[in-house]
Amino acid sequence: MKPIIVFDLGGVLIDWNPRYLYRKFFTDEPHMEFFLREVVSNRWNLQMDAGKSQQESVEELSRACPQYRDAIIAWMTRWDEMLGDSIETMPEVLQYFSRTGYELHAITNWSAETFHFAEKKYDFLQLFRTITVSGREKVAKPNPVIFEIFLERNQLKASDCIFIDDASRNIESAYSMGFETVHFTDPSTCIRELAEKIGDQGLLQFIEEEVNVP
């Protein structure tokens, strides 16, 4: 029986990076990094990934940090400018799995209010049987509840799934629930680890011949 492959999206298949937007606001790189780290922080963004509205989040933060008001509002009004291209080679991996009969799913930390930008931009998302979006479920990784929702909804066992994510805390959470895991660091390493775990040397051959991954 082939394992079920479960992907994270941002950082694994999709290059999402707020710097693409905020380099248009800040000419000083250290100042921008301070803003991203201390103002529109990962913790703040995770609240929206877990279902809090953008409007409420942006208004609260703008009141707390009025000196950054315009840049904070842009998080809501120009969010799509944070989306880059797909991660090199990974859509081809997804297409290989689809063509060779693997069941594909995704679990992503993503605001329900912005996920439509990804659906419009990245055609390969259509290859997934299901996409569990944290903002729609009102719970985000690494909370194990989102993995429970995914498993129960699709009537799957964690032990039958391989989960790929770039965040170690999400990998640890999935592993604790019984998922086989691959911690994504770069496409080449991920592909080789996947091929080893699923015992599919055809994946390596396909990538080496068709995509020229070293």
N, C-alpha and C. Protein backbone atom coordinates (compact mmCIF):
# COMPACT_ATOMS: atom_id res chain seq x y z
N MET A 1 0.84 -1.20 0.00
CA MET A 1 0.00 0.00 0.00
C MET A 1 0.87 1.25 0.00
N LYS A 2 0.58 2.16 -0.91
CA LYS A 2 1.36 3.40 -0.97
C LYS A 2 0.99 4.31 0.19
N PRO A 3 1.99 4.98 0.77
CA PRO A 3 1.67 5.93 1.84
C PRO A 3 0.90 7.13 1.30
N ILE A 4 0.18 7.78 2.17
CA ILE A 4 -0.53 9.01 1.83
C ILE A 4 0.43 10.17 2.10
N ILE A 5 0.59 11.05 1.13
CA ILE A 5 1.56 12.13 1.24
C ILE A 5 0.82 13.42 1.61
N VAL A 6 1.25 14.04 2.71
CA VAL A 6 0.60 15.24 3.23
C VAL A 6 1.62 16.37 3.27
N PHE A 7 1.35 17.42 2.52
CA PHE A 7 2.28 18.54 2.39
C PHE A 7 1.83 19.75 3.21
N ASP A 8 2.79 20.43 3.79
CA ASP A 8 2.62 21.83 4.14
C ASP A 8 2.72 22.62 2.83
N LEU A 9 2.27 23.87 2.82
CA LEU A 9 2.33 24.67 1.59
C LEU A 9 3.42 25.74 1.65
N GLY A 10 3.25 26.75 2.51
CA GLY A 10 4.22 27.83 2.59
C GLY A 10 5.57 27.34 3.08
N GLY A 11 6.61 27.59 2.30
CA GLY A 11 7.95 27.15 2.67
C GLY A 11 8.31 25.78 2.15
N VAL A 12 7.34 25.05 1.61
CA VAL A 12 7.59 23.73 1.03
C VAL A 12 7.25 23.73 -0.45
N LEU A 13 6.07 24.20 -0.78
CA LEU A 13 5.65 24.29 -2.18
C LEU A 13 5.54 25.74 -2.66
N ILE A 14 5.27 26.65 -1.74
CA ILE A 14 5.02 28.05 -2.09
C ILE A 14 6.01 28.95 -1.36
N ASP A 15 6.60 29.86 -2.11
CA ASP A 15 7.54 30.82 -1.54
C ASP A 15 6.76 32.05 -1.05
N TRP A 16 6.32 31.98 0.21
CA TRP A 16 5.65 33.12 0.84
C TRP A 16 6.66 33.84 1.71
N ASN A 17 6.81 35.14 1.48
CA ASN A 17 7.83 35.89 2.22
C ASN A 17 7.38 37.35 2.33
N PRO A 18 7.09 37.84 3.54
CA PRO A 18 6.67 39.23 3.70
C PRO A 18 7.70 40.24 3.20
N ARG A 19 8.94 39.83 3.07
CA ARG A 19 9.98 40.76 2.59
C ARG A 19 9.71 41.23 1.17
N TYR A 20 9.03 40.41 0.38
CA TYR A 20 8.70 40.83 -0.98
C TYR A 20 7.86 42.10 -0.97
N LEU A 21 7.00 42.23 0.01
CA LEU A 21 6.19 43.44 0.17
C LEU A 21 6.96 44.54 0.89
N TYR A 22 7.59 44.20 2.00
CA TYR A 22 8.08 45.26 2.89
C TYR A 22 9.40 45.88 2.45
N ARG A 23 10.06 45.29 1.48
CA ARG A 23 11.20 45.99 0.89
C ARG A 23 10.74 47.22 0.11
N LYS A 24 9.47 47.29 -0.19
CA LYS A 24 8.89 48.47 -0.84
C LYS A 24 8.59 49.58 0.17
N PHE A 25 8.60 49.23 1.45
CA PHE A 25 8.33 50.19 2.51
C PHE A 25 9.60 50.67 3.21
N PHE A 26 10.58 49.78 3.33
CA PHE A 26 11.78 50.08 4.10
C PHE A 26 13.00 50.09 3.20
N THR A 27 13.77 51.15 3.26
CA THR A 27 15.04 51.19 2.53
C THR A 27 16.18 50.65 3.38
N ASP A 28 15.95 50.58 4.68
CA ASP A 28 16.96 50.09 5.62
C ASP A 28 16.62 48.65 6.00
N GLU A 29 17.46 47.71 5.59
CA GLU A 29 17.18 46.28 5.81
C GLU A 29 17.06 45.93 7.29
N PRO A 30 17.97 46.38 8.16
CA PRO A 30 17.82 46.06 9.59
C PRO A 30 16.52 46.59 10.18
N HIS A 31 16.09 47.76 9.74
CA HIS A 31 14.81 48.31 10.23
C HIS A 31 13.65 47.43 9.78
N MET A 32 13.69 46.97 8.54
CA MET A 32 12.65 46.07 8.06
C MET A 32 12.63 44.77 8.87
N GLU A 33 13.81 44.23 9.14
CA GLU A 33 13.87 42.98 9.90
C GLU A 33 13.33 43.17 11.32
N PHE A 34 13.61 44.32 11.90
CA PHE A 34 13.04 44.64 13.22
C PHE A 34 11.52 44.66 13.14
N PHE A 35 10.98 45.32 12.12
CA PHE A 35 9.53 45.41 11.93
C PHE A 35 8.91 44.02 11.79
N LEU A 36 9.53 43.17 10.99
CA LEU A 36 9.00 41.83 10.77
C LEU A 36 9.10 40.96 12.02
N ARG A 37 10.15 41.17 12.78
CA ARG A 37 10.38 40.34 13.97
C ARG A 37 9.56 40.81 15.17
N GLU A 38 9.45 42.13 15.35
CA GLU A 38 8.88 42.67 16.58
C GLU A 38 7.48 43.26 16.41
N VAL A 39 7.09 43.61 15.20
CA VAL A 39 5.78 44.25 15.00
C VAL A 39 4.83 43.24 14.35
N VAL A 40 4.99 42.98 13.07
CA VAL A 40 4.15 41.96 12.40
C VAL A 40 4.83 40.59 12.60
N SER A 41 4.88 40.17 13.82
CA SER A 41 5.66 39.00 14.21
C SER A 41 4.99 37.70 13.78
N ASN A 42 5.75 36.63 13.85
CA ASN A 42 5.18 35.31 13.56
C ASN A 42 4.01 35.00 14.50
N ARG A 43 4.17 35.40 15.73
CA ARG A 43 3.11 35.14 16.72
C ARG A 43 1.83 35.90 16.35
N TRP A 44 1.99 37.14 15.91
CA TRP A 44 0.83 37.95 15.49
C TRP A 44 0.17 37.32 14.26
N ASN A 45 0.97 36.92 13.29
CA ASN A 45 0.43 36.31 12.08
C ASN A 45 -0.27 35.00 12.38
N LEU A 46 0.26 34.25 13.34
CA LEU A 46 -0.34 32.96 13.68
C LEU A 46 -1.77 33.11 14.20
N GLN A 47 -2.07 34.25 14.82
CA GLN A 47 -3.44 34.49 15.28
C GLN A 47 -4.41 34.52 14.10
N MET A 48 -3.99 35.12 13.00
CA MET A 48 -4.84 35.15 11.80
C MET A 48 -4.89 33.77 11.15
N ASP A 49 -3.76 33.07 11.17
CA ASP A 49 -3.77 31.70 10.67
C ASP A 49 -4.75 30.83 11.44
N ALA A 50 -4.96 31.17 12.72
CA ALA A 50 -5.86 30.39 13.57
C ALA A 50 -7.28 30.94 13.57
N GLY A 51 -7.57 31.90 12.68
CA GLY A 51 -8.95 32.31 12.49
C GLY A 51 -9.32 33.72 12.89
N LYS A 52 -8.41 34.45 13.54
CA LYS A 52 -8.72 35.84 13.91
C LYS A 52 -8.79 36.68 12.64
N SER A 53 -9.72 37.62 12.58
CA SER A 53 -9.91 38.39 11.36
C SER A 53 -8.74 39.34 11.12
N GLN A 54 -8.42 39.55 9.85
CA GLN A 54 -7.37 40.49 9.50
C GLN A 54 -7.72 41.90 9.97
N GLN A 55 -8.97 42.29 9.76
CA GLN A 55 -9.39 43.64 10.13
C GLN A 55 -9.12 43.90 11.61
N GLU A 56 -9.55 42.99 12.45
CA GLU A 56 -9.35 43.16 13.89
C GLU A 56 -7.87 43.16 14.25
N SER A 57 -7.12 42.25 13.67
CA SER A 57 -5.69 42.14 13.97
C SER A 57 -4.94 43.40 13.56
N VAL A 58 -5.23 43.88 12.37
CA VAL A 58 -4.55 45.06 11.84
C VAL A 58 -4.93 46.31 12.63
N GLU A 59 -6.19 46.46 12.97
CA GLU A 59 -6.62 47.63 13.74
C GLU A 59 -5.98 47.65 15.12
N GLU A 60 -5.94 46.51 15.78
CA GLU A 60 -5.32 46.44 17.11
C GLU A 60 -3.84 46.80 17.06
N LEU A 61 -3.14 46.24 16.09
CA LEU A 61 -1.70 46.48 16.01
C LEU A 61 -1.41 47.91 15.57
N SER A 62 -2.24 48.46 14.71
CA SER A 62 -2.05 49.85 14.28
C SER A 62 -2.20 50.82 15.44
N ARG A 63 -3.13 50.52 16.34
CA ARG A 63 -3.30 51.37 17.53
C ARG A 63 -2.10 51.23 18.46
N ALA A 64 -1.57 50.02 18.56
CA ALA A 64 -0.43 49.79 19.45
C ALA A 64 0.87 50.35 18.89
N CYS A 65 0.99 50.38 17.56
CA CYS A 65 2.23 50.84 16.91
C CYS A 65 1.88 51.85 15.81
N PRO A 66 1.38 53.02 16.19
CA PRO A 66 0.90 53.98 15.18
C PRO A 66 1.98 54.46 14.22
N GLN A 67 3.24 54.40 14.65
CA GLN A 67 4.33 54.84 13.77
C GLN A 67 4.49 53.94 12.55
N TYR A 68 3.92 52.72 12.63
CA TYR A 68 4.01 51.77 11.51
C TYR A 68 2.64 51.53 10.87
N ARG A 69 1.72 52.44 11.08
CA ARG A 69 0.34 52.21 10.68
C ARG A 69 0.21 51.82 9.20
N ASP A 70 0.83 52.58 8.31
CA ASP A 70 0.68 52.30 6.87
C ASP A 70 1.24 50.93 6.51
N ALA A 71 2.37 50.58 7.09
CA ALA A 71 2.98 49.28 6.80
C ALA A 71 2.13 48.14 7.35
N ILE A 72 1.54 48.35 8.52
CA ILE A 72 0.69 47.32 9.11
C ILE A 72 -0.58 47.12 8.27
N ILE A 73 -1.19 48.21 7.84
CA ILE A 73 -2.40 48.12 7.02
C ILE A 73 -2.10 47.38 5.72
N ALA A 74 -0.90 47.55 5.19
CA ALA A 74 -0.52 46.87 3.94
C ALA A 74 -0.56 45.36 4.08
N TRP A 75 -0.40 44.86 5.31
CA TRP A 75 -0.50 43.41 5.53
C TRP A 75 -1.86 42.90 5.07
N MET A 76 -2.87 43.74 5.21
CA MET A 76 -4.22 43.35 4.81
C MET A 76 -4.51 43.75 3.36
N THR A 77 -4.10 44.96 2.96
CA THR A 77 -4.50 45.48 1.65
C THR A 77 -3.59 45.04 0.51
N ARG A 78 -2.36 44.62 0.84
CA ARG A 78 -1.40 44.23 -0.21
C ARG A 78 -0.79 42.86 0.08
N TRP A 79 -1.56 42.02 0.75
CA TRP A 79 -1.05 40.72 1.18
C TRP A 79 -0.53 39.88 0.02
N ASP A 80 -1.19 39.96 -1.12
CA ASP A 80 -0.81 39.12 -2.26
C ASP A 80 0.60 39.42 -2.75
N GLU A 81 1.15 40.59 -2.41
CA GLU A 81 2.51 40.92 -2.83
C GLU A 81 3.57 40.17 -2.04
N MET A 82 3.16 39.41 -1.04
CA MET A 82 4.09 38.57 -0.28
C MET A 82 4.31 37.21 -0.94
N LEU A 83 3.53 36.91 -1.96
CA LEU A 83 3.63 35.61 -2.62
C LEU A 83 4.66 35.65 -3.74
N GLY A 84 5.61 34.72 -3.68
CA GLY A 84 6.58 34.57 -4.74
C GLY A 84 6.20 33.41 -5.65
N ASP A 85 7.20 32.82 -6.26
CA ASP A 85 6.97 31.68 -7.13
C ASP A 85 6.82 30.41 -6.29
N SER A 86 6.60 29.31 -6.95
CA SER A 86 6.63 28.02 -6.26
C SER A 86 8.07 27.70 -5.89
N ILE A 87 8.23 26.84 -4.89
CA ILE A 87 9.56 26.38 -4.49
C ILE A 87 10.13 25.49 -5.60
N GLU A 88 11.35 25.77 -6.00
CA GLU A 88 11.96 25.07 -7.13
C GLU A 88 11.85 23.55 -7.00
N THR A 89 11.37 22.92 -8.05
CA THR A 89 11.29 21.46 -8.21
C THR A 89 10.10 20.82 -7.49
N MET A 90 9.58 21.45 -6.44
CA MET A 90 8.57 20.79 -5.63
C MET A 90 7.24 20.57 -6.37
N PRO A 91 6.78 21.48 -7.23
CA PRO A 91 5.56 21.15 -7.99
C PRO A 91 5.74 19.92 -8.88
N GLU A 92 6.95 19.73 -9.41
CA GLU A 92 7.22 18.53 -10.22
C GLU A 92 7.13 17.27 -9.38
N VAL A 93 7.59 17.36 -8.13
CA VAL A 93 7.46 16.23 -7.20
C VAL A 93 5.98 15.91 -6.98
N LEU A 94 5.21 16.95 -6.76
CA LEU A 94 3.77 16.78 -6.56
C LEU A 94 3.13 16.12 -7.79
N GLN A 95 3.51 16.58 -8.96
CA GLN A 95 2.95 16.02 -10.20
C GLN A 95 3.35 14.55 -10.37
N TYR A 96 4.58 14.22 -9.98
CA TYR A 96 5.02 12.82 -10.04
C TYR A 96 4.14 11.95 -9.15
N PHE A 97 3.93 12.40 -7.92
CA PHE A 97 3.10 11.63 -6.99
C PHE A 97 1.68 11.47 -7.54
N SER A 98 1.15 12.52 -8.12
CA SER A 98 -0.21 12.46 -8.67
C SER A 98 -0.30 11.47 -9.81
N ARG A 99 0.69 11.50 -10.71
CA ARG A 99 0.67 10.61 -11.88
C ARG A 99 0.88 9.15 -11.51
N THR A 100 1.57 8.91 -10.41
CA THR A 100 1.90 7.53 -10.05
C THR A 100 0.99 6.97 -8.97
N GLY A 101 -0.12 7.65 -8.71
CA GLY A 101 -1.18 7.06 -7.90
C GLY A 101 -1.12 7.27 -6.41
N TYR A 102 -0.34 8.24 -5.95
CA TYR A 102 -0.32 8.55 -4.52
C TYR A 102 -1.49 9.47 -4.16
N GLU A 103 -2.05 9.24 -2.99
CA GLU A 103 -3.10 10.12 -2.48
C GLU A 103 -2.44 11.33 -1.84
N LEU A 104 -2.85 12.53 -2.26
CA LEU A 104 -2.19 13.76 -1.83
C LEU A 104 -3.14 14.65 -1.04
N HIS A 105 -2.64 15.18 0.07
CA HIS A 105 -3.38 16.12 0.89
C HIS A 105 -2.44 17.24 1.33
N ALA A 106 -3.01 18.31 1.85
CA ALA A 106 -2.20 19.40 2.41
C ALA A 106 -2.82 19.87 3.72
N ILE A 107 -1.96 20.27 4.64
CA ILE A 107 -2.38 20.93 5.89
C ILE A 107 -1.55 22.20 5.98
N THR A 108 -2.22 23.35 5.96
CA THR A 108 -1.48 24.60 5.90
C THR A 108 -1.95 25.59 6.95
N ASN A 109 -0.99 26.31 7.54
CA ASN A 109 -1.31 27.47 8.36
C ASN A 109 -1.50 28.65 7.42
N TRP A 110 -2.74 29.09 7.27
CA TRP A 110 -3.04 30.14 6.29
C TRP A 110 -4.35 30.80 6.70
N SER A 111 -4.40 32.11 6.63
CA SER A 111 -5.64 32.82 6.93
C SER A 111 -6.72 32.44 5.92
N ALA A 112 -7.92 32.24 6.41
CA ALA A 112 -9.05 31.94 5.52
C ALA A 112 -9.33 33.11 4.57
N GLU A 113 -8.93 34.31 4.98
CA GLU A 113 -9.23 35.50 4.19
C GLU A 113 -8.25 35.72 3.03
N THR A 114 -7.13 35.02 3.05
CA THR A 114 -6.13 35.22 1.99
C THR A 114 -5.84 33.97 1.17
N PHE A 115 -6.40 32.84 1.55
CA PHE A 115 -6.05 31.61 0.85
C PHE A 115 -6.49 31.64 -0.61
N HIS A 116 -7.49 32.43 -0.93
CA HIS A 116 -7.94 32.51 -2.32
C HIS A 116 -6.85 33.04 -3.24
N PHE A 117 -5.92 33.85 -2.71
CA PHE A 117 -4.81 34.32 -3.53
C PHE A 117 -3.95 33.14 -4.00
N ALA A 118 -3.70 32.20 -3.09
CA ALA A 118 -2.91 31.02 -3.44
C ALA A 118 -3.66 30.14 -4.43
N GLU A 119 -4.94 29.95 -4.20
CA GLU A 119 -5.73 29.11 -5.10
C GLU A 119 -5.74 29.66 -6.52
N LYS A 120 -5.72 30.97 -6.64
CA LYS A 120 -5.73 31.60 -7.96
C LYS A 120 -4.36 31.53 -8.63
N LYS A 121 -3.29 31.61 -7.84
CA LYS A 121 -1.94 31.74 -8.39
C LYS A 121 -1.28 30.40 -8.72
N TYR A 122 -1.57 29.36 -7.92
CA TYR A 122 -0.82 28.11 -8.04
C TYR A 122 -1.74 26.98 -8.50
N ASP A 123 -1.65 26.64 -9.78
CA ASP A 123 -2.53 25.61 -10.35
C ASP A 123 -2.31 24.24 -9.72
N PHE A 124 -1.09 23.98 -9.24
CA PHE A 124 -0.80 22.64 -8.71
C PHE A 124 -1.60 22.32 -7.45
N LEU A 125 -2.21 23.31 -6.82
CA LEU A 125 -3.04 23.03 -5.65
C LEU A 125 -4.23 22.14 -6.01
N GLN A 126 -4.59 22.11 -7.28
CA GLN A 126 -5.70 21.28 -7.71
C GLN A 126 -5.37 19.79 -7.63
N LEU A 127 -4.10 19.45 -7.46
CA LEU A 127 -3.70 18.05 -7.38
C LEU A 127 -4.03 17.42 -6.02
N PHE A 128 -4.32 18.26 -5.03
CA PHE A 128 -4.62 17.72 -3.70
C PHE A 128 -6.06 17.25 -3.60
N ARG A 129 -6.24 16.11 -2.96
CA ARG A 129 -7.59 15.63 -2.70
C ARG A 129 -8.29 16.56 -1.71
N THR A 130 -7.57 16.96 -0.66
CA THR A 130 -8.11 17.92 0.30
C THR A 130 -7.00 18.87 0.73
N ILE A 131 -7.38 20.08 1.12
CA ILE A 131 -6.46 21.04 1.73
C ILE A 131 -7.11 21.52 3.02
N THR A 132 -6.48 21.21 4.14
CA THR A 132 -6.97 21.66 5.45
C THR A 132 -6.32 23.00 5.75
N VAL A 133 -7.13 24.06 5.77
CA VAL A 133 -6.64 25.43 5.96
C VAL A 133 -6.92 25.86 7.39
N SER A 134 -5.88 26.21 8.11
CA SER A 134 -6.02 26.50 9.54
C SER A 134 -7.04 27.60 9.82
N GLY A 135 -7.04 28.65 9.00
CA GLY A 135 -7.95 29.76 9.24
C GLY A 135 -9.41 29.36 9.14
N ARG A 136 -9.69 28.36 8.33
CA ARG A 136 -11.07 27.87 8.21
C ARG A 136 -11.44 26.97 9.38
N GLU A 137 -10.44 26.28 9.92
CA GLU A 137 -10.68 25.36 11.03
C GLU A 137 -10.57 26.05 12.39
N LYS A 138 -10.05 27.28 12.42
CA LYS A 138 -9.87 28.05 13.65
C LYS A 138 -8.85 27.43 14.59
N VAL A 139 -7.90 26.72 14.02
CA VAL A 139 -6.81 26.14 14.82
C VAL A 139 -5.63 25.93 13.88
N ALA A 140 -4.42 26.21 14.39
CA ALA A 140 -3.23 26.17 13.54
C ALA A 140 -2.20 25.20 14.09
N LYS A 141 -1.37 24.70 13.18
CA LYS A 141 -0.20 23.92 13.59
C LYS A 141 0.68 24.79 14.48
N PRO A 142 1.33 24.26 15.48
CA PRO A 142 1.51 22.84 15.79
C PRO A 142 0.43 22.22 16.67
N ASN A 143 -0.67 22.92 16.92
CA ASN A 143 -1.73 22.35 17.75
C ASN A 143 -2.17 21.01 17.14
N PRO A 144 -2.11 19.94 17.91
CA PRO A 144 -2.46 18.62 17.36
C PRO A 144 -3.91 18.51 16.90
N VAL A 145 -4.75 19.43 17.33
CA VAL A 145 -6.16 19.38 16.94
C VAL A 145 -6.32 19.45 15.43
N ILE A 146 -5.49 20.25 14.76
CA ILE A 146 -5.65 20.37 13.31
C ILE A 146 -5.30 19.06 12.61
N PHE A 147 -4.36 18.31 13.16
CA PHE A 147 -4.05 16.99 12.60
C PHE A 147 -5.20 16.02 12.86
N GLU A 148 -5.81 16.13 14.03
CA GLU A 148 -6.96 15.28 14.35
C GLU A 148 -8.12 15.56 13.40
N ILE A 149 -8.36 16.84 13.12
CA ILE A 149 -9.42 17.22 12.18
C ILE A 149 -9.16 16.60 10.82
N PHE A 150 -7.91 16.72 10.35
CA PHE A 150 -7.55 16.16 9.05
C PHE A 150 -7.78 14.66 9.00
N LEU A 151 -7.32 13.95 10.02
CA LEU A 151 -7.43 12.49 10.03
C LEU A 151 -8.89 12.04 10.11
N GLU A 152 -9.66 12.66 10.99
CA GLU A 152 -11.05 12.26 11.17
C GLU A 152 -11.88 12.57 9.92
N ARG A 153 -11.66 13.72 9.33
CA ARG A 153 -12.44 14.12 8.16
C ARG A 153 -12.19 13.19 6.98
N ASN A 154 -10.96 12.72 6.86
CA ASN A 154 -10.59 11.89 5.72
C ASN A 154 -10.54 10.40 6.05
N GLN A 155 -10.89 10.07 7.31
CA GLN A 155 -10.92 8.68 7.77
C GLN A 155 -9.58 7.99 7.49
N LEU A 156 -8.52 8.64 7.96
CA LEU A 156 -7.17 8.14 7.76
C LEU A 156 -6.50 7.85 9.10
N LYS A 157 -5.46 7.03 9.04
CA LYS A 157 -4.61 6.77 10.20
C LYS A 157 -3.30 7.53 10.02
N ALA A 158 -2.82 8.13 11.10
CA ALA A 158 -1.57 8.88 11.02
C ALA A 158 -0.42 7.99 10.54
N SER A 159 -0.43 6.73 10.95
CA SER A 159 0.65 5.82 10.60
C SER A 159 0.71 5.51 9.11
N ASP A 160 -0.36 5.83 8.38
CA ASP A 160 -0.39 5.61 6.93
C ASP A 160 0.08 6.84 6.15
N CYS A 161 0.43 7.92 6.86
CA CYS A 161 0.73 9.20 6.22
C CYS A 161 2.18 9.61 6.42
N ILE A 162 2.73 10.28 5.41
CA ILE A 162 4.00 10.98 5.52
C ILE A 162 3.71 12.47 5.44
N PHE A 163 4.15 13.22 6.45
CA PHE A 163 3.88 14.65 6.54
C PHE A 163 5.17 15.43 6.32
N ILE A 164 5.11 16.42 5.42
CA ILE A 164 6.28 17.23 5.06
C ILE A 164 6.03 18.67 5.47
N ASP A 165 6.94 19.24 6.25
CA ASP A 165 6.78 20.63 6.72
C ASP A 165 8.16 21.22 6.93
N ASP A 166 8.26 22.55 6.80
CA ASP A 166 9.55 23.21 7.00
C ASP A 166 9.76 23.68 8.44
N ALA A 167 8.72 23.62 9.28
CA ALA A 167 8.82 24.09 10.66
C ALA A 167 8.99 22.90 11.60
N SER A 168 10.06 22.91 12.37
CA SER A 168 10.37 21.77 13.23
C SER A 168 9.27 21.53 14.27
N ARG A 169 8.64 22.61 14.78
CA ARG A 169 7.59 22.43 15.78
C ARG A 169 6.39 21.69 15.20
N ASN A 170 6.11 21.90 13.92
CA ASN A 170 5.00 21.20 13.27
C ASN A 170 5.35 19.74 13.02
N ILE A 171 6.60 19.51 12.64
CA ILE A 171 7.08 18.15 12.44
C ILE A 171 7.00 17.37 13.75
N GLU A 172 7.43 17.99 14.84
CA GLU A 172 7.40 17.32 16.14
C GLU A 172 5.98 16.97 16.56
N SER A 173 5.05 17.89 16.31
CA SER A 173 3.65 17.65 16.66
C SER A 173 3.07 16.49 15.86
N ALA A 174 3.33 16.50 14.55
CA ALA A 174 2.82 15.42 13.70
C ALA A 174 3.43 14.08 14.08
N TYR A 175 4.73 14.08 14.35
CA TYR A 175 5.42 12.85 14.72
C TYR A 175 4.85 12.27 16.02
N SER A 176 4.53 13.15 16.96
CA SER A 176 3.99 12.69 18.24
C SER A 176 2.62 12.03 18.07
N MET A 177 1.95 12.33 16.96
CA MET A 177 0.64 11.74 16.70
C MET A 177 0.72 10.48 15.85
N GLY A 178 1.93 10.13 15.43
CA GLY A 178 2.11 8.88 14.69
C GLY A 178 2.38 9.03 13.22
N PHE A 179 2.48 10.27 12.72
CA PHE A 179 2.83 10.48 11.32
C PHE A 179 4.30 10.14 11.09
N GLU A 180 4.60 9.57 9.93
CA GLU A 180 5.97 9.58 9.43
C GLU A 180 6.22 11.00 8.96
N THR A 181 7.43 11.51 9.15
CA THR A 181 7.65 12.92 8.84
C THR A 181 8.93 13.13 8.03
N VAL A 182 8.91 14.22 7.26
CA VAL A 182 10.09 14.72 6.56
C VAL A 182 10.19 16.21 6.84
N HIS A 183 11.29 16.60 7.47
CA HIS A 183 11.52 18.02 7.76
C HIS A 183 12.15 18.66 6.53
N PHE A 184 11.39 19.52 5.87
CA PHE A 184 11.86 20.16 4.64
C PHE A 184 12.91 21.22 4.94
N THR A 185 14.07 21.09 4.31
CA THR A 185 15.11 22.12 4.39
C THR A 185 15.48 22.65 3.01
N ASP A 186 15.46 21.76 2.02
CA ASP A 186 15.71 22.16 0.63
C ASP A 186 15.15 21.05 -0.26
N PRO A 187 14.85 21.37 -1.53
CA PRO A 187 14.21 20.37 -2.40
C PRO A 187 15.00 19.08 -2.57
N SER A 188 16.29 19.18 -2.82
CA SER A 188 17.08 17.99 -3.10
C SER A 188 17.08 17.02 -1.92
N THR A 189 17.31 17.55 -0.71
CA THR A 189 17.32 16.70 0.48
C THR A 189 15.95 16.10 0.72
N CYS A 190 14.91 16.90 0.54
CA CYS A 190 13.55 16.42 0.75
C CYS A 190 13.22 15.28 -0.21
N ILE A 191 13.56 15.45 -1.48
CA ILE A 191 13.25 14.44 -2.49
C ILE A 191 13.95 13.12 -2.16
N ARG A 192 15.21 13.21 -1.78
CA ARG A 192 15.96 11.98 -1.48
C ARG A 192 15.41 11.29 -0.23
N GLU A 193 15.04 12.08 0.77
CA GLU A 193 14.49 11.48 1.99
C GLU A 193 13.13 10.86 1.71
N LEU A 194 12.32 11.53 0.90
CA LEU A 194 11.02 10.96 0.53
C LEU A 194 11.19 9.65 -0.23
N ALA A 195 12.09 9.65 -1.20
CA ALA A 195 12.31 8.44 -2.00
C ALA A 195 12.74 7.28 -1.11
N GLU A 196 13.57 7.57 -0.11
CA GLU A 196 14.03 6.52 0.80
C GLU A 196 12.89 6.02 1.68
N LYS A 197 12.09 6.94 2.21
CA LYS A 197 11.03 6.55 3.14
C LYS A 197 9.94 5.74 2.44
N ILE A 198 9.61 6.11 1.20
CA ILE A 198 8.52 5.41 0.52
C ILE A 198 9.03 4.28 -0.37
N GLY A 199 10.35 4.16 -0.49
CA GLY A 199 10.92 3.09 -1.29
C GLY A 199 10.63 3.24 -2.77
N ASP A 200 10.60 4.47 -3.24
CA ASP A 200 10.26 4.74 -4.64
C ASP A 200 11.45 5.37 -5.34
N GLN A 201 12.30 4.54 -5.91
CA GLN A 201 13.46 5.06 -6.62
C GLN A 201 13.06 5.74 -7.93
N GLY A 202 11.85 5.46 -8.39
CA GLY A 202 11.35 6.14 -9.58
C GLY A 202 11.27 7.64 -9.38
N LEU A 203 11.03 8.07 -8.15
CA LEU A 203 10.98 9.50 -7.85
C LEU A 203 12.35 10.13 -8.10
N LEU A 204 13.39 9.48 -7.60
CA LEU A 204 14.74 10.00 -7.82
C LEU A 204 15.08 10.03 -9.31
N GLN A 205 14.75 8.96 -10.00
CA GLN A 205 15.05 8.89 -11.43
C GLN A 205 14.30 9.97 -12.20
N PHE A 206 13.03 10.16 -11.86
CA PHE A 206 12.23 11.17 -12.54
C PHE A 206 12.82 12.56 -12.34
N ILE A 207 13.16 12.88 -11.11
CA ILE A 207 13.68 14.21 -10.81
C ILE A 207 15.04 14.43 -11.47
N GLU A 208 15.90 13.42 -11.42
CA GLU A 208 17.22 13.57 -12.02
C GLU A 208 17.15 13.72 -13.53
N GLU A 209 16.22 12.99 -14.16
CA GLU A 209 16.13 13.03 -15.62
C GLU A 209 15.34 14.24 -16.12
N GLU A 210 14.25 14.56 -15.41
CA GLU A 210 13.33 15.58 -15.92
C GLU A 210 13.62 16.97 -15.39
N VAL A 211 14.17 17.03 -14.17
CA VAL A 211 14.33 18.33 -13.52
C VAL A 211 15.79 18.67 -13.27
N ASN A 212 16.66 17.66 -13.36
CA ASN A 212 18.10 17.87 -13.19
C ASN A 212 18.48 18.37 -11.80
N VAL A 213 17.87 17.74 -10.78
CA VAL A 213 18.28 18.03 -9.41
C VAL A 213 19.54 17.23 -9.12
N PRO A 214 20.60 17.85 -8.59
CA PRO A 214 21.85 17.11 -8.34
C PRO A 214 21.70 16.12 -7.20
